[in-house]
Amino acid sequence: MDVTVKSNIDFTKLIRTCKSDDLWFWGAKEWHRLTRDYVPKRDGNLNRLVTLKPKQIIYRSPYSAYIYYGKKMVDPVYKKGGFTPDGINFWSRKGVKKIKTNENLKIANGYSRWDVKAIEEKKDDLLVKSMEKFINKKMEE
């Protein structure tokens, strides 16, 4: 015997919520929170100087790429990471894009590719659960 069930569920609100920038901005904010313990810390600027956008976390520190990739980056002509007149202050040639080497950086108090490390430790599962809660809350409104 065949049974036909007709359902009149309106998924419009759910679809709108999933497509909304509110959800994805909140997801970026939550992922930043979940990964912050994996981001290398010296003075905390790498974690503080961020711009959050829907589906994006932009690390604005000038050395962000160095730390994230965990590889020494050098001037393509001089093969140096930077120049220093006094051994304290470093500078690079203006407008010159550095190239990545195979030499690993020594990173203390965190990890290069901190998002990958967070996923290895299942923080992405926590993100999914949090986003589900966000969606459920929006559906109740």
Protein backbone atom coordinates (compact mmCIF):
# COMPACT_ATOMS: atom_id res chain seq x y z
CA MET A 1 0.00 0.00 0.00
CA ASP A 2 1.39 3.42 -0.99
CA VAL A 3 1.12 6.43 1.25
CA THR A 4 1.50 9.99 0.04
CA VAL A 5 2.31 12.67 2.57
CA LYS A 6 2.05 16.30 1.60
CA SER A 7 3.95 18.77 3.75
CA ASN A 8 3.29 22.51 3.79
CA ILE A 9 6.45 23.62 5.55
CA ASP A 10 7.64 27.11 4.66
CA PHE A 11 11.44 27.14 4.55
CA THR A 12 11.59 30.77 3.41
CA LYS A 13 12.72 32.13 6.78
CA LEU A 14 15.35 29.40 7.18
CA ILE A 15 16.73 30.02 3.70
CA ARG A 16 16.82 33.78 4.32
CA THR A 17 18.66 33.21 7.60
CA CYS A 18 21.25 30.93 5.99
CA LYS A 19 21.88 33.43 3.21
CA SER A 20 22.00 36.45 5.50
CA ASP A 21 25.21 38.34 6.21
CA ASP A 22 24.19 38.34 9.89
CA LEU A 23 24.76 34.58 10.13
CA TRP A 24 28.08 34.66 8.29
CA PHE A 25 29.36 37.72 10.16
CA TRP A 26 28.45 36.00 13.40
CA GLY A 27 30.19 32.81 12.14
CA ALA A 28 33.40 34.77 11.44
CA LYS A 29 33.22 36.33 14.91
CA GLU A 30 32.68 32.92 16.50
CA TRP A 31 35.52 31.29 14.50
CA HIS A 32 37.83 34.12 15.58
CA ARG A 33 36.88 33.42 19.19
CA LEU A 34 37.42 29.65 18.78
CA THR A 35 40.83 30.02 17.13
CA ARG A 36 42.30 32.80 19.25
CA ASP A 37 44.18 30.39 21.55
CA TYR A 38 46.05 28.99 18.53
CA VAL A 39 47.16 32.38 17.16
CA PRO A 40 50.78 33.15 18.14
CA LYS A 41 51.07 35.76 20.87
CA ARG A 42 53.83 38.18 21.59
CA ASP A 43 52.04 41.44 22.33
CA GLY A 44 48.57 40.25 21.24
CA ASN A 45 48.33 42.55 18.22
CA LEU A 46 47.91 39.71 15.74
CA ASN A 47 44.69 38.68 17.47
CA ARG A 48 43.53 42.23 18.20
CA LEU A 49 44.13 43.87 14.83
CA VAL A 50 41.47 42.06 12.84
CA THR A 51 38.59 43.04 10.63
CA LEU A 52 35.59 40.73 10.67
CA LYS A 53 33.34 40.43 7.64
CA PRO A 54 30.81 37.80 6.61
CA LYS A 55 32.83 34.59 6.06
CA GLN A 56 36.13 36.44 6.60
CA ILE A 57 38.65 37.22 9.29
CA ILE A 58 41.27 39.66 8.03
CA TYR A 59 44.43 39.83 10.15
CA ARG A 60 45.78 43.36 9.62
CA SER A 61 49.18 43.18 11.32
CA PRO A 62 51.97 43.74 8.79
CA TYR A 63 53.57 40.42 9.77
CA SER A 64 50.36 38.33 9.56
CA ALA A 65 51.38 36.42 6.43
CA TYR A 66 54.80 35.60 7.87
CA ILE A 67 53.29 34.07 10.95
CA TYR A 68 50.37 32.35 9.23
CA TYR A 69 52.49 30.55 6.64
CA GLY A 70 55.26 29.87 9.15
CA LYS A 71 57.94 30.42 6.53
CA LYS A 72 60.62 33.06 6.34
CA MET A 73 59.77 35.61 3.64
CA VAL A 74 62.53 37.59 1.98
CA ASP A 75 63.19 40.43 -0.41
CA PRO A 76 63.51 38.77 -3.86
CA VAL A 77 66.70 40.68 -4.70
CA TYR A 78 68.61 40.75 -1.39
CA LYS A 79 67.24 37.48 0.04
CA LYS A 80 66.80 39.13 3.45
CA GLY A 81 63.71 39.38 5.62
CA GLY A 82 64.41 43.01 6.43
CA PHE A 83 67.06 45.63 6.95
CA THR A 84 68.12 47.24 10.19
CA PRO A 85 70.31 50.27 10.83
CA ASP A 86 70.52 49.65 14.56
CA GLY A 87 69.75 45.97 15.19
CA ILE A 88 66.37 46.86 16.69
CA ASN A 89 64.21 48.53 14.06
CA PHE A 90 63.54 46.61 10.84
CA TRP A 91 62.32 47.91 7.52
CA SER A 92 61.71 46.54 4.04
CA ARG A 93 62.02 48.13 0.64
CA LYS A 94 58.79 49.99 -0.13
CA GLY A 95 56.56 48.36 -2.76
CA VAL A 96 58.61 45.16 -2.97
CA LYS A 97 56.60 41.97 -2.46
CA LYS A 98 58.52 39.41 -0.45
CA ILE A 99 58.79 35.79 -1.48
CA LYS A 100 58.33 32.74 0.72
CA THR A 101 61.32 30.49 1.44
CA ASN A 102 61.41 26.90 2.70
CA GLU A 103 62.90 28.03 6.01
CA ASN A 104 60.50 27.53 8.94
CA LEU A 105 59.93 30.29 11.46
CA LYS A 106 60.34 29.55 15.14
CA ILE A 107 56.89 30.34 16.49
CA ALA A 108 56.34 30.59 20.24
CA ASN A 109 52.99 30.64 22.02
CA GLY A 110 50.88 29.49 19.07
CA TYR A 111 50.92 27.88 15.65
CA SER A 112 51.34 28.82 12.04
CA ARG A 113 48.14 28.02 10.12
CA TRP A 114 46.23 28.35 13.39
CA ASP A 115 42.90 27.59 11.70
CA VAL A 116 44.19 24.17 10.59
CA LYS A 117 45.37 23.43 14.14
CA ALA A 118 41.93 24.43 15.48
CA ILE A 119 40.24 22.07 13.02
CA GLU A 120 42.60 19.25 14.08
CA GLU A 121 41.35 19.81 17.61
CA LYS A 122 37.69 19.75 16.47
CA LYS A 123 36.94 23.43 17.04
CA ASP A 124 35.09 23.41 13.72
CA ASP A 125 32.51 21.08 15.31
CA LEU A 126 31.93 23.72 17.99
CA LEU A 127 31.49 26.33 15.27
CA VAL A 128 28.83 24.21 13.54
CA LYS A 129 26.95 23.73 16.82
CA SER A 130 27.11 27.44 17.58
CA MET A 131 25.85 28.33 14.12
CA GLU A 132 22.98 25.87 14.53
CA LYS A 133 22.03 27.65 17.78
CA PHE A 134 22.18 31.00 15.98
CA ILE A 135 19.87 29.72 13.23
CA ASN A 136 17.45 28.18 15.73
CA LYS A 137 17.29 31.45 17.66
CA LYS A 138 16.57 33.38 14.47
CA MET A 139 13.84 30.91 13.54
CA GLU A 140 12.10 31.52 16.88
CA GLU A 141 12.01 35.30 16.37
